[in-house]
Amino acid sequence: MDRKTEVIALIKNDFMKCQKILSALGHETRQAIIVALIESTCDSGLRIGEITNLTHISKQAVSHHLKVLRDSEIVSTRKEGTMTFYHIDVHSKLGLLSMLTDHMREALKEFYGI
């Protein structure tokens, strides 16, 4: 297998690993929720009501989109009694995106001089 074929296979594999993440990040509402979680000065996470207030998105929509973000392992939860706090998962799959872009950047540089 030549070098270019190896690199393309690696990038295809990266894309497969990132499908859930790319899909989750591709929605404007989920992007707004992620920005709200990152902007928050609350290091313990935010509750759905707080996210609703920050994003001006309905509670039902926030709940749905948080489920997608949890399923893609971008957001995690922490329970405190009956309250659930949502936060960006620092051990999330987001690192896979970095790997994908790094591999793509390296391929473009190596094979196209870009």
PDB file of N, CA and C in Angstrom:
ATOM      1  N   MET A   1       0.855  -1.172   0.000  1.00  0.00           N
ATOM      2  CA  MET A   1       0.000   0.000   0.000  1.00  0.00           C
ATOM      3  C   MET A   1       0.908   1.244   0.000  1.00  0.00           C
ATOM      4  N   ASP A   2       0.659   2.159  -0.919  1.00  0.00           N
ATOM      5  CA  ASP A   2       1.486   3.360  -0.971  1.00  0.00           C
ATOM      6  C   ASP A   2       1.072   4.356   0.111  1.00  0.00           C
ATOM      7  N   ARG A   3       1.898   5.347   0.329  1.00  0.00           N
ATOM      8  CA  ARG A   3       1.708   6.325   1.408  1.00  0.00           C
ATOM      9  C   ARG A   3       0.367   7.050   1.292  1.00  0.00           C
ATOM     10  N   LYS A   4       0.015   7.500   0.089  1.00  0.00           N
ATOM     11  CA  LYS A   4      -1.229   8.245  -0.094  1.00  0.00           C
ATOM     12  C   LYS A   4      -2.444   7.381   0.247  1.00  0.00           C
ATOM     13  N   THR A   5      -2.424   6.133  -0.151  1.00  0.00           N
ATOM     14  CA  THR A   5      -3.520   5.211   0.149  1.00  0.00           C
ATOM     15  C   THR A   5      -3.638   4.995   1.660  1.00  0.00           C
ATOM     16  N   GLU A   6      -2.501   4.886   2.334  1.00  0.00           N
ATOM     17  CA  GLU A   6      -2.502   4.733   3.795  1.00  0.00           C
ATOM     18  C   GLU A   6      -3.119   5.943   4.478  1.00  0.00           C
ATOM     19  N   VAL A   7      -2.713   7.134   4.044  1.00  0.00           N
ATOM     20  CA  VAL A   7      -3.204   8.367   4.661  1.00  0.00           C
ATOM     21  C   VAL A   7      -4.698   8.532   4.410  1.00  0.00           C
ATOM     22  N   ILE A   8      -5.145   8.233   3.207  1.00  0.00           N
ATOM     23  CA  ILE A   8      -6.576   8.337   2.898  1.00  0.00           C
ATOM     24  C   ILE A   8      -7.374   7.338   3.726  1.00  0.00           C
ATOM     25  N   ALA A   9      -6.859   6.146   3.904  1.00  0.00           N
ATOM     26  CA  ALA A   9      -7.532   5.153   4.754  1.00  0.00           C
ATOM     27  C   ALA A   9      -7.627   5.655   6.192  1.00  0.00           C
ATOM     28  N   LEU A  10      -6.573   6.299   6.664  1.00  0.00           N
ATOM     29  CA  LEU A  10      -6.558   6.867   8.014  1.00  0.00           C
ATOM     30  C   LEU A  10      -7.623   7.953   8.151  1.00  0.00           C
ATOM     31  N   ILE A  11      -7.713   8.832   7.158  1.00  0.00           N
ATOM     32  CA  ILE A  11      -8.702   9.911   7.188  1.00  0.00           C
ATOM     33  C   ILE A  11     -10.120   9.350   7.127  1.00  0.00           C
ATOM     34  N   LYS A  12     -10.351   8.346   6.293  1.00  0.00           N
ATOM     35  CA  LYS A  12     -11.674   7.709   6.230  1.00  0.00           C
ATOM     36  C   LYS A  12     -12.049   7.124   7.588  1.00  0.00           C
ATOM     37  N   ASN A  13     -11.089   6.490   8.241  1.00  0.00           N
ATOM     38  CA  ASN A  13     -11.320   5.925   9.567  1.00  0.00           C
ATOM     39  C   ASN A  13     -11.642   7.032  10.577  1.00  0.00           C
ATOM     40  N   ASP A  14     -10.900   8.135  10.491  1.00  0.00           N
ATOM     41  CA  ASP A  14     -11.169   9.280  11.370  1.00  0.00           C
ATOM     42  C   ASP A  14     -12.596   9.791  11.174  1.00  0.00           C
ATOM     43  N   PHE A  15     -13.020   9.917   9.907  1.00  0.00           N
ATOM     44  CA  PHE A  15     -14.382  10.375   9.628  1.00  0.00           C
ATOM     45  C   PHE A  15     -15.412   9.429  10.236  1.00  0.00           C
ATOM     46  N   MET A  16     -15.189   8.134  10.129  1.00  0.00           N
ATOM     47  CA  MET A  16     -16.131   7.166  10.704  1.00  0.00           C
ATOM     48  C   MET A  16     -16.239   7.348  12.215  1.00  0.00           C
ATOM     49  N   LYS A  17     -15.094   7.540  12.881  1.00  0.00           N
ATOM     50  CA  LYS A  17     -15.090   7.729  14.330  1.00  0.00           C
ATOM     51  C   LYS A  17     -15.777   9.029  14.733  1.00  0.00           C
ATOM     52  N   CYS A  18     -15.780  10.015  13.839  1.00  0.00           N
ATOM     53  CA  CYS A  18     -16.310  11.347  14.154  1.00  0.00           C
ATOM     54  C   CYS A  18     -17.746  11.561  13.703  1.00  0.00           C
ATOM     55  N   GLN A  19     -18.380  10.575  13.102  1.00  0.00           N
ATOM     56  CA  GLN A  19     -19.717  10.781  12.534  1.00  0.00           C
ATOM     57  C   GLN A  19     -20.719  11.326  13.537  1.00  0.00           C
ATOM     58  N   LYS A  20     -20.801  10.728  14.717  1.00  0.00           N
ATOM     59  CA  LYS A  20     -21.758  11.204  15.729  1.00  0.00           C
ATOM     60  C   LYS A  20     -21.435  12.623  16.167  1.00  0.00           C
ATOM     61  N   ILE A  21     -20.159  12.903  16.321  1.00  0.00           N
ATOM     62  CA  ILE A  21     -19.732  14.230  16.771  1.00  0.00           C
ATOM     63  C   ILE A  21     -20.042  15.275  15.711  1.00  0.00           C
ATOM     64  N   LEU A  22     -19.694  14.973  14.465  1.00  0.00           N
ATOM     65  CA  LEU A  22     -19.948  15.918  13.378  1.00  0.00           C
ATOM     66  C   LEU A  22     -21.442  16.182  13.225  1.00  0.00           C
ATOM     67  N   SER A  23     -22.233  15.135  13.345  1.00  0.00           N
ATOM     68  CA  SER A  23     -23.678  15.288  13.249  1.00  0.00           C
ATOM     69  C   SER A  23     -24.209  16.147  14.399  1.00  0.00           C
ATOM     70  N   ALA A  24     -23.722  15.881  15.601  1.00  0.00           N
ATOM     71  CA  ALA A  24     -24.169  16.643  16.773  1.00  0.00           C
ATOM     72  C   ALA A  24     -23.779  18.109  16.658  1.00  0.00           C
ATOM     73  N   LEU A  25     -22.588  18.379  16.191  1.00  0.00           N
ATOM     74  CA  LEU A  25     -22.101  19.760  16.098  1.00  0.00           C
ATOM     75  C   LEU A  25     -22.694  20.513  14.918  1.00  0.00           C
ATOM     76  N   GLY A  26     -23.302  19.794  13.986  1.00  0.00           N
ATOM     77  CA  GLY A  26     -23.817  20.423  12.780  1.00  0.00           C
ATOM     78  C   GLY A  26     -25.127  21.166  12.957  1.00  0.00           C
ATOM     79  N   HIS A  27     -25.736  21.082  14.110  1.00  0.00           N
ATOM     80  CA  HIS A  27     -27.032  21.730  14.339  1.00  0.00           C
ATOM     81  C   HIS A  27     -26.840  23.035  15.103  1.00  0.00           C
ATOM     82  N   GLU A  28     -27.453  24.088  14.612  1.00  0.00           N
ATOM     83  CA  GLU A  28     -27.306  25.426  15.187  1.00  0.00           C
ATOM     84  C   GLU A  28     -27.719  25.494  16.658  1.00  0.00           C
ATOM     85  N   THR A  29     -28.770  24.796  17.017  1.00  0.00           N
ATOM     86  CA  THR A  29     -29.228  24.815  18.413  1.00  0.00           C
ATOM     87  C   THR A  29     -28.195  24.155  19.323  1.00  0.00           C
ATOM     88  N   ARG A  30     -27.635  23.048  18.883  1.00  0.00           N
ATOM     89  CA  ARG A  30     -26.619  22.386  19.699  1.00  0.00           C
ATOM     90  C   ARG A  30     -25.360  23.246  19.806  1.00  0.00           C
ATOM     91  N   GLN A  31     -25.043  23.957  18.748  1.00  0.00           N
ATOM     92  CA  GLN A  31     -23.912  24.879  18.798  1.00  0.00           C
ATOM     93  C   GLN A  31     -24.155  25.957  19.854  1.00  0.00           C
ATOM     94  N   ALA A  32     -25.382  26.473  19.905  1.00  0.00           N
ATOM     95  CA  ALA A  32     -25.734  27.498  20.895  1.00  0.00           C
ATOM     96  C   ALA A  32     -25.625  26.939  22.317  1.00  0.00           C
ATOM     97  N   ILE A  33     -26.026  25.698  22.503  1.00  0.00           N
ATOM     98  CA  ILE A  33     -25.941  25.073  23.823  1.00  0.00           C
ATOM     99  C   ILE A  33     -24.479  24.883  24.223  1.00  0.00           C
ATOM    100  N   ILE A  34     -23.662  24.433  23.298  1.00  0.00           N
ATOM    101  CA  ILE A  34     -22.240  24.250  23.601  1.00  0.00           C
ATOM    102  C   ILE A  34     -21.596  25.583  23.957  1.00  0.00           C
ATOM    103  N   VAL A  35     -21.909  26.616  23.202  1.00  0.00           N
ATOM    104  CA  VAL A  35     -21.359  27.952  23.499  1.00  0.00           C
ATOM    105  C   VAL A  35     -21.818  28.406  24.884  1.00  0.00           C
ATOM    106  N   ALA A  36     -23.084  28.177  25.212  1.00  0.00           N
ATOM    107  CA  ALA A  36     -23.595  28.563  26.540  1.00  0.00           C
ATOM    108  C   ALA A  36     -22.843  27.819  27.646  1.00  0.00           C
ATOM    109  N   LEU A  37     -22.584  26.539  27.437  1.00  0.00           N
ATOM    110  CA  LEU A  37     -21.861  25.765  28.441  1.00  0.00           C
ATOM    111  C   LEU A  37     -20.416  26.254  28.581  1.00  0.00           C
ATOM    112  N   ILE A  38     -19.800  26.612  27.476  1.00  0.00           N
ATOM    113  CA  ILE A  38     -18.426  27.104  27.518  1.00  0.00           C
ATOM    114  C   ILE A  38     -18.368  28.505  28.132  1.00  0.00           C
ATOM    115  N   GLU A  39     -19.339  29.344  27.788  1.00  0.00           N
ATOM    116  CA  GLU A  39     -19.372  30.727  28.298  1.00  0.00           C
ATOM    117  C   GLU A  39     -19.664  30.806  29.791  1.00  0.00           C
ATOM    118  N   SER A  40     -20.373  29.830  30.290  1.00  0.00           N
ATOM    119  CA  SER A  40     -20.801  29.855  31.682  1.00  0.00           C
ATOM    120  C   SER A  40     -19.610  29.939  32.633  1.00  0.00           C
ATOM    121  N   THR A  41     -19.766  30.761  33.637  1.00  0.00           N
ATOM    122  CA  THR A  41     -18.729  30.858  34.661  1.00  0.00           C
ATOM    123  C   THR A  41     -18.933  29.807  35.750  1.00  0.00           C
ATOM    124  N   CYS A  42     -19.992  29.030  35.611  1.00  0.00           N
ATOM    125  CA  CYS A  42     -20.317  27.993  36.597  1.00  0.00           C
ATOM    126  C   CYS A  42     -19.544  26.728  36.260  1.00  0.00           C
ATOM    127  N   ASP A  43     -18.532  26.419  37.050  1.00  0.00           N
ATOM    128  CA  ASP A  43     -17.696  25.258  36.747  1.00  0.00           C
ATOM    129  C   ASP A  43     -18.356  23.929  37.112  1.00  0.00           C
ATOM    130  N   SER A  44     -19.496  23.982  37.790  1.00  0.00           N
ATOM    131  CA  SER A  44     -20.181  22.748  38.160  1.00  0.00           C
ATOM    132  C   SER A  44     -21.217  22.325  37.121  1.00  0.00           C
ATOM    133  N   GLY A  45     -21.390  23.111  36.056  1.00  0.00           N
ATOM    134  CA  GLY A  45     -22.351  22.792  35.019  1.00  0.00           C
ATOM    135  C   GLY A  45     -23.605  23.632  35.125  1.00  0.00           C
ATOM    136  N   LEU A  46     -24.464  23.465  34.151  1.00  0.00           N
ATOM    137  CA  LEU A  46     -25.714  24.216  34.096  1.00  0.00           C
ATOM    138  C   LEU A  46     -26.898  23.270  34.071  1.00  0.00           C
ATOM    139  N   ARG A  47     -28.004  23.726  34.637  1.00  0.00           N
ATOM    140  CA  ARG A  47     -29.240  22.965  34.578  1.00  0.00           C
ATOM    141  C   ARG A  47     -30.000  23.369  33.319  1.00  0.00           C
ATOM    142  N   ILE A  48     -30.972  22.558  32.929  1.00  0.00           N
ATOM    143  CA  ILE A  48     -31.728  22.821  31.698  1.00  0.00           C
ATOM    144  C   ILE A  48     -32.343  24.218  31.716  1.00  0.00           C
ATOM    145  N   GLY A  49     -32.917  24.613  32.837  1.00  0.00           N
ATOM    146  CA  GLY A  49     -33.537  25.938  32.934  1.00  0.00           C
ATOM    147  C   GLY A  49     -32.535  27.058  32.696  1.00  0.00           C
ATOM    148  N   GLU A  50     -31.330  26.893  33.204  1.00  0.00           N
ATOM    149  CA  GLU A  50     -30.289  27.906  33.003  1.00  0.00           C
ATOM    150  C   GLU A  50     -29.873  27.971  31.525  1.00  0.00           C
ATOM    151  N   ILE A  51     -29.769  26.810  30.906  1.00  0.00           N
ATOM    152  CA  ILE A  51     -29.418  26.768  29.479  1.00  0.00           C
ATOM    153  C   ILE A  51     -30.536  27.414  28.657  1.00  0.00           C
ATOM    154  N   THR A  52     -31.775  27.132  29.034  1.00  0.00           N
ATOM    155  CA  THR A  52     -32.923  27.733  28.358  1.00  0.00           C
ATOM    156  C   THR A  52     -32.858  29.261  28.443  1.00  0.00           C
ATOM    157  N   ASN A  53     -32.562  29.783  29.623  1.00  0.00           N
ATOM    158  CA  ASN A  53     -32.469  31.231  29.800  1.00  0.00           C
ATOM    159  C   ASN A  53     -31.338  31.842  28.984  1.00  0.00           C
ATOM    160  N   LEU A  54     -30.216  31.157  28.917  1.00  0.00           N
ATOM    161  CA  LEU A  54     -29.058  31.675  28.194  1.00  0.00           C
ATOM    162  C   LEU A  54     -29.231  31.617  26.682  1.00  0.00           C
ATOM    163  N   THR A  55     -29.922  30.599  26.197  1.00  0.00           N
ATOM    164  CA  THR A  55     -30.037  30.394  24.749  1.00  0.00           C
ATOM    165  C   THR A  55     -31.361  30.870  24.164  1.00  0.00           C
ATOM    166  N   HIS A  56     -32.336  31.109  25.016  1.00  0.00           N
ATOM    167  CA  HIS A  56     -33.688  31.496  24.583  1.00  0.00           C
ATOM    168  C   HIS A  56     -34.316  30.406  23.711  1.00  0.00           C
ATOM    169  N   ILE A  57     -34.000  29.169  24.036  1.00  0.00           N
ATOM    170  CA  ILE A  57     -34.542  27.996  23.347  1.00  0.00           C
ATOM    171  C   ILE A  57     -35.460  27.290  24.347  1.00  0.00           C
ATOM    172  N   SER A  58     -36.554  26.726  23.864  1.00  0.00           N
ATOM    173  CA  SER A  58     -37.518  26.102  24.766  1.00  0.00           C
ATOM    174  C   SER A  58     -36.868  24.967  25.555  1.00  0.00           C
ATOM    175  N   LYS A  59     -37.436  24.737  26.731  1.00  0.00           N
ATOM    176  CA  LYS A  59     -36.925  23.679  27.616  1.00  0.00           C
ATOM    177  C   LYS A  59     -36.969  22.321  26.927  1.00  0.00           C
ATOM    178  N   GLN A  60     -38.050  22.054  26.202  1.00  0.00           N
ATOM    179  CA  GLN A  60     -38.202  20.782  25.499  1.00  0.00           C
ATOM    180  C   GLN A  60     -37.113  20.633  24.431  1.00  0.00           C
ATOM    181  N   ALA A  61     -36.844  21.690  23.680  1.00  0.00           N
ATOM    182  CA  ALA A  61     -35.811  21.636  22.635  1.00  0.00           C
ATOM    183  C   ALA A  61     -34.431  21.459  23.259  1.00  0.00           C
ATOM    184  N   VAL A  62     -34.160  22.197  24.343  1.00  0.00           N
ATOM    185  CA  VAL A  62     -32.867  22.070  25.027  1.00  0.00           C
ATOM    186  C   VAL A  62     -32.674  20.632  25.500  1.00  0.00           C
ATOM    187  N   SER A  63     -33.705  20.064  26.088  1.00  0.00           N
ATOM    188  CA  SER A  63     -33.634  18.686  26.583  1.00  0.00           C
ATOM    189  C   SER A  63     -33.319  17.718  25.451  1.00  0.00           C
ATOM    190  N   HIS A  64     -33.996  17.864  24.337  1.00  0.00           N
ATOM    191  CA  HIS A  64     -33.758  16.994  23.179  1.00  0.00           C
ATOM    192  C   HIS A  64     -32.316  17.125  22.687  1.00  0.00           C
ATOM    193  N   HIS A  65     -31.850  18.345  22.530  1.00  0.00           N
ATOM    194  CA  HIS A  65     -30.512  18.562  21.987  1.00  0.00           C
ATOM    195  C   HIS A  65     -29.421  18.151  22.977  1.00  0.00           C
ATOM    196  N   LEU A  66     -29.685  18.280  24.260  1.00  0.00           N
ATOM    197  CA  LEU A  66     -28.727  17.790  25.257  1.00  0.00           C
ATOM    198  C   LEU A  66     -28.589  16.275  25.179  1.00  0.00           C
ATOM    199  N   LYS A  67     -29.682  15.591  24.896  1.00  0.00           N
ATOM    200  CA  LYS A  67     -29.620  14.130  24.736  1.00  0.00           C
ATOM    201  C   LYS A  67     -28.706  13.774  23.563  1.00  0.00           C
ATOM    202  N   VAL A  68     -28.837  14.487  22.458  1.00  0.00           N
ATOM    203  CA  VAL A  68     -27.980  14.226  21.296  1.00  0.00           C
ATOM    204  C   VAL A  68     -26.520  14.486  21.665  1.00  0.00           C
ATOM    205  N   LEU A  69     -26.260  15.571  22.392  1.00  0.00           N
ATOM    206  CA  LEU A  69     -24.895  15.912  22.797  1.00  0.00           C
ATOM    207  C   LEU A  69     -24.339  14.886  23.785  1.00  0.00           C
ATOM    208  N   ARG A  70     -25.188  14.368  24.669  1.00  0.00           N
ATOM    209  CA  ARG A  70     -24.751  13.311  25.594  1.00  0.00           C
ATOM    210  C   ARG A  70     -24.453  12.023  24.825  1.00  0.00           C
ATOM    211  N   ASP A  71     -25.337  11.662  23.898  1.00  0.00           N
ATOM    212  CA  ASP A  71     -25.154  10.434  23.117  1.00  0.00           C
ATOM    213  C   ASP A  71     -23.878  10.483  22.278  1.00  0.00           C
ATOM    214  N   SER A  72     -23.476  11.683  21.866  1.00  0.00           N
ATOM    215  CA  SER A  72     -22.249  11.814  21.075  1.00  0.00           C
ATOM    216  C   SER A  72     -21.029  12.006  21.972  1.00  0.00           C
ATOM    217  N   GLU A  73     -21.263  11.972  23.280  1.00  0.00           N
ATOM    218  CA  GLU A  73     -20.208  12.062  24.295  1.00  0.00           C
ATOM    219  C   GLU A  73     -19.470  13.397  24.285  1.00  0.00           C
ATOM    220  N   ILE A  74     -20.193  14.454  23.966  1.00  0.00           N
ATOM    221  CA  ILE A  74     -19.640  15.807  24.035  1.00  0.00           C
ATOM    222  C   ILE A  74     -19.991  16.430  25.381  1.00  0.00           C
ATOM    223  N   VAL A  75     -21.186  16.127  25.870  1.00  0.00           N
ATOM    224  CA  VAL A  75     -21.697  16.672  27.126  1.00  0.00           C
ATOM    225  C   VAL A  75     -21.913  15.534  28.115  1.00  0.00           C
ATOM    226  N   SER A  76     -21.592  15.809  29.370  1.00  0.00           N
ATOM    227  CA  SER A  76     -21.832  14.852  30.455  1.00  0.00           C
ATOM    228  C   SER A  76     -22.765  15.472  31.478  1.00  0.00           C
ATOM    229  N   THR A  77     -23.275  14.630  32.358  1.00  0.00           N
ATOM    230  CA  THR A  77     -24.167  15.110  33.408  1.00  0.00           C
ATOM    231  C   THR A  77     -23.591  14.775  34.772  1.00  0.00           C
ATOM    232  N   ARG A  78     -24.060  15.562  35.729  1.00  0.00           N
ATOM    233  CA  ARG A  78     -23.713  15.319  37.131  1.00  0.00           C
ATOM    234  C   ARG A  78     -24.994  15.509  37.917  1.00  0.00           C
ATOM    235  N   LYS A  79     -25.322  14.533  38.728  1.00  0.00           N
ATOM    236  CA  LYS A  79     -26.540  14.595  39.550  1.00  0.00           C
ATOM    237  C   LYS A  79     -26.199  15.147  40.931  1.00  0.00           C
ATOM    238  N   GLU A  80     -27.076  15.988  41.403  1.00  0.00           N
ATOM    239  CA  GLU A  80     -26.977  16.519  42.764  1.00  0.00           C
ATOM    240  C   GLU A  80     -28.390  16.499  43.333  1.00  0.00           C
ATOM    241  N   GLY A  81     -28.702  15.452  44.055  1.00  0.00           N
ATOM    242  CA  GLY A  81     -30.078  15.270  44.527  1.00  0.00           C
ATOM    243  C   GLY A  81     -30.979  15.026  43.332  1.00  0.00           C
ATOM    244  N   THR A  82     -31.993  15.859  43.196  1.00  0.00           N
ATOM    245  CA  THR A  82     -32.911  15.724  42.059  1.00  0.00           C
ATOM    246  C   THR A  82     -32.490  16.595  40.880  1.00  0.00           C
ATOM    247  N   MET A  83     -31.427  17.354  41.038  1.00  0.00           N
ATOM    248  CA  MET A  83     -30.981  18.264  39.984  1.00  0.00           C
ATOM    249  C   MET A  83     -29.930  17.596  39.098  1.00  0.00           C
ATOM    250  N   THR A  84     -30.003  17.902  37.804  1.00  0.00           N
ATOM    251  CA  THR A  84     -29.029  17.401  36.845  1.00  0.00           C
ATOM    252  C   THR A  84     -28.291  18.593  36.248  1.00  0.00           C
ATOM    253  N   PHE A  85     -26.985  18.528  36.294  1.00  0.00           N
ATOM    254  CA  PHE A  85     -26.136  19.585  35.750  1.00  0.00           C
ATOM    255  C   PHE A  85     -25.433  19.056  34.496  1.00  0.00           C
ATOM    256  N   TYR A  86     -25.392  19.877  33.460  1.00  0.00           N
ATOM    257  CA  TYR A  86     -24.770  19.514  32.192  1.00  0.00           C
ATOM    258  C   TYR A  86     -23.491  20.306  32.012  1.00  0.00           C
ATOM    259  N   HIS A  87     -22.471  19.645  31.493  1.00  0.00           N
ATOM    260  CA  HIS A  87     -21.195  20.321  31.259  1.00  0.00           C
ATOM    261  C   HIS A  87     -20.485  19.668  30.080  1.00  0.00           C
ATOM    262  N   ILE A  88     -19.568  20.412  29.463  1.00  0.00           N
ATOM    263  CA  ILE A  88     -18.754  19.851  28.393  1.00  0.00           C
ATOM    264  C   ILE A  88     -17.885  18.763  29.010  1.00  0.00           C
ATOM    265  N   ASP A  89     -17.864  17.622  28.389  1.00  0.00           N
ATOM    266  CA  ASP A  89     -17.060  16.504  28.883  1.00  0.00           C
ATOM    267  C   ASP A  89     -15.611  16.720  28.461  1.00  0.00           C
ATOM    268  N   VAL A  90     -14.747  17.007  29.435  1.00  0.00           N
ATOM    269  CA  VAL A  90     -13.343  17.281  29.114  1.00  0.00           C
ATOM    270  C   VAL A  90     -12.629  16.043  28.586  1.00  0.00           C
ATOM    271  N   HIS A  91     -13.209  14.883  28.788  1.00  0.00           N
ATOM    272  CA  HIS A  91     -12.637  13.639  28.272  1.00  0.00           C
ATOM    273  C   HIS A  91     -13.450  13.157  27.073  1.00  0.00           C
ATOM    274  N   SER A  92     -14.105  14.106  26.401  1.00  0.00           N
ATOM    275  CA  SER A  92     -15.037  13.747  25.339  1.00  0.00           C
ATOM    276  C   SER A  92     -14.337  13.303  24.068  1.00  0.00           C
ATOM    277  N   LYS A  93     -15.150  12.969  23.124  1.00  0.00           N
ATOM    278  CA  LYS A  93     -14.683  12.528  21.813  1.00  0.00           C
ATOM    279  C   LYS A  93     -14.245  13.714  20.948  1.00  0.00           C
ATOM    280  N   LEU A  94     -14.301  14.924  21.470  1.00  0.00           N
ATOM    281  CA  LEU A  94     -13.906  16.087  20.686  1.00  0.00           C
ATOM    282  C   LEU A  94     -12.458  16.005  20.221  1.00  0.00           C
ATOM    283  N   GLY A  95     -11.622  15.286  20.947  1.00  0.00           N
ATOM    284  CA  GLY A  95     -10.236  15.102  20.538  1.00  0.00           C
ATOM    285  C   GLY A  95     -10.127  14.388  19.200  1.00  0.00           C
ATOM    286  N   LEU A  96     -11.140  13.575  18.871  1.00  0.00           N
ATOM    287  CA  LEU A  96     -11.140  12.889  17.584  1.00  0.00           C
ATOM    288  C   LEU A  96     -11.216  13.886  16.434  1.00  0.00           C
ATOM    289  N   LEU A  97     -11.938  14.985  16.646  1.00  0.00           N
ATOM    290  CA  LEU A  97     -12.023  16.021  15.611  1.00  0.00           C
ATOM    291  C   LEU A  97     -10.662  16.640  15.353  1.00  0.00           C
ATOM    292  N   SER A  98      -9.931  16.851  16.400  1.00  0.00           N
ATOM    293  CA  SER A  98      -8.590  17.411  16.268  1.00  0.00           C
ATOM    294  C   SER A  98      -7.695  16.467  15.477  1.00  0.00           C
ATOM    295  N   MET A  99      -7.806  15.186  15.758  1.00  0.00           N
ATOM    296  CA  MET A  99      -7.028  14.187  15.036  1.00  0.00           C
ATOM    297  C   MET A  99      -7.394  14.193  13.544  1.00  0.00           C
ATOM    298  N   LEU A 100      -8.693  14.248  13.267  1.00  0.00           N
ATOM    299  CA  LEU A 100      -9.164  14.277  11.884  1.00  0.00           C
ATOM    300  C   LEU A 100      -8.601  15.480  11.144  1.00  0.00           C
ATOM    301  N   THR A 101      -8.725  16.648  11.732  1.00  0.00           N
ATOM    302  CA  THR A 101      -8.232  17.859  11.053  1.00  0.00           C
ATOM    303  C   THR A 101      -6.711  17.838  10.921  1.00  0.00           C
ATOM    304  N   ASP A 102      -6.025  17.300  11.913  1.00  0.00           N
ATOM    305  CA  ASP A 102      -4.561  17.181  11.817  1.00  0.00           C
ATOM    306  C   ASP A 102      -4.165  16.272  10.650  1.00  0.00           C
ATOM    307  N   HIS A 103      -4.835  15.126  10.541  1.00  0.00           N
ATOM    308  CA  HIS A 103      -4.524  14.198   9.460  1.00  0.00           C
ATOM    309  C   HIS A 103      -4.840  14.803   8.098  1.00  0.00           C
ATOM    310  N   MET A 104      -5.945  15.536   8.016  1.00  0.00           N
ATOM    311  CA  MET A 104      -6.301  16.178   6.751  1.00  0.00           C
ATOM    312  C   MET A 104      -5.279  17.258   6.389  1.00  0.00           C
ATOM    313  N   ARG A 105      -4.896  18.046   7.373  1.00  0.00           N
ATOM    314  CA  ARG A 105      -3.910  19.114   7.148  1.00  0.00           C
ATOM    315  C   ARG A 105      -2.573  18.516   6.685  1.00  0.00           C
ATOM    316  N   GLU A 106      -2.145  17.454   7.344  1.00  0.00           N
ATOM    317  CA  GLU A 106      -0.892  16.791   6.969  1.00  0.00           C
ATOM    318  C   GLU A 106      -0.962  16.230   5.551  1.00  0.00           C
ATOM    319  N   ALA A 107      -2.098  15.630   5.188  1.00  0.00           N
ATOM    320  CA  ALA A 107      -2.259  15.068   3.838  1.00  0.00           C
ATOM    321  C   ALA A 107      -2.213  16.162   2.791  1.00  0.00           C
ATOM    322  N   LEU A 108      -2.901  17.260   3.034  1.00  0.00           N
ATOM    323  CA  LEU A 108      -2.904  18.360   2.077  1.00  0.00           C
ATOM    324  C   LEU A 108      -1.508  18.932   1.894  1.00  0.00           C
ATOM    325  N   LYS A 109      -0.786  19.033   2.994  1.00  0.00           N
ATOM    326  CA  LYS A 109       0.578  19.559   2.927  1.00  0.00           C
ATOM    327  C   LYS A 109       1.495  18.578   2.196  1.00  0.00           C
ATOM    328  N   GLU A 110       1.405  17.304   2.571  1.00  0.00           N
ATOM    329  CA  GLU A 110       2.301  16.296   1.990  1.00  0.00           C
ATOM    330  C   GLU A 110       2.029  16.048   0.510  1.00  0.00           C
ATOM    331  N   PHE A 111       0.764  15.982   0.120  1.00  0.00           N
ATOM    332  CA  PHE A 111       0.460  15.582  -1.247  1.00  0.00           C
ATOM    333  C   PHE A 111       0.150  16.744  -2.196  1.00  0.00           C
ATOM    334  N   TYR A 112      -0.179  17.903  -1.638  1.00  0.00           N
ATOM    335  CA  TYR A 112      -0.558  19.020  -2.490  1.00  0.00           C
ATOM    336  C   TYR A 112       0.216  20.296  -2.199  1.00  0.00           C
ATOM    337  N   GLY A 113       1.077  20.244  -1.198  1.00  0.00           N
ATOM    338  CA  GLY A 113       1.879  21.420  -0.863  1.00  0.00           C
ATOM    339  C   GLY A 113       1.072  22.573  -0.312  1.00  0.00           C
ATOM    340  N   ILE A 114      -0.128  22.276   0.192  1.00  0.00           N
ATOM    341  CA  ILE A 114      -1.013  23.323   0.730  1.00  0.00           C
ATOM    342  C   ILE A 114      -0.754  23.512   2.210  1.00  0.00           C
TER     343      ILE A 114
END
